[in-house]
Amino acid sequence: MMLPSPENILLFITAATILIIVPGPAVLYIMMKSMEQGAKAGIASVLGVGIGAMVHVLAAAIGVSALLVASATAFAVLKYVGALYLIYLGVKKIIDKAPAIKEEKVNRQALTSIFYEGIIVNTLSPKSAIFFFAFLPQFINPERGGTTSQILFLGLLFLIIALISDMCYVMLSGKLVKKFRSSTVYPDIQKYVSGGIHIALGLLTLTVSKPGAISGTK
C-alpha cells in the first residue's frame, strides 16, 4: 500500500484539523441531535455522518466523485434530493404533535433511526462530494504511485480526526442542553429550533455549486 510522503501527511493533518474544528453543517446536525435527545443520540449521529463521509471517500478513490462533479444532471439530482430530505425532516419535526423530549432516554430503535439518518444526510450532501474530490487529491504524491490507496489513507485519517472533533461537540452539547433545560420555555421551542436547523441545512444545500474553491464539509 503506497502512502503519501511524510511531509504531505503532516500538512494534511494540519489542514484537515483546521477545517474540521470549524463548525459547519455536519457539526450543527450532530449538536442538534445531541441537544435534542442526549449523548447517545449524538454519538449515533456522529457514527452515521462518519459512514456517510466514508462513502464519499470511497467514491473519490474510485473516481465516482469526478464523474458526479463533471455531470451537471447528476450533481443537480444529488443536490435537490439531499436538500428536500433535510427540509422534509425539518417540517416533520415542526408539525409533530408528540411532546418534546425532556429526558435523555432513547430506545434502541430511535438510535438506529438516528444512525441511518446521519448516513443519508451526509451521503446526499453534494458539498461533501465536492470537498473530498477537491481536497484529498491535493495531498497525493502521483510519482509514488498507488493514488487510490493514498486517497483511502488520507480519507481514513480525515475521518479519525473528524470523529475526535465531533465527539467533543457531543460533549459540549451535553453541557449546553443542561442550561437550556433549566428554562421553562425550552421544551416548547425545542422542536421549532430542531426543525428550523434541518430546514436551514436543506436550504444551505441548495446553494452549493460546482467546485470553484475548496471549503470544509464539517
Foldseek 3Di string as FASTA:
>chain_A
DDAFDPVLLVVLLVVLLVQLLPDDLLLVLLLLLCLQQHLLLSLLLLLLLLLLLLVLLLCLLVVVLVVCLVDPVNLVVLLQVLLVVLLVVLVCLVPDPDFGDLDNDDDPVRSVVSNNVSNSNSNSQSLSNQQLNPPQVVSHDPVRPPRSVHSSVSSVVSSVSNSVSSSVSSVVSNVVSVVLSVDPCCRVCSSVVSSVSSNVSSVVSNPDDRDDDHHHDD
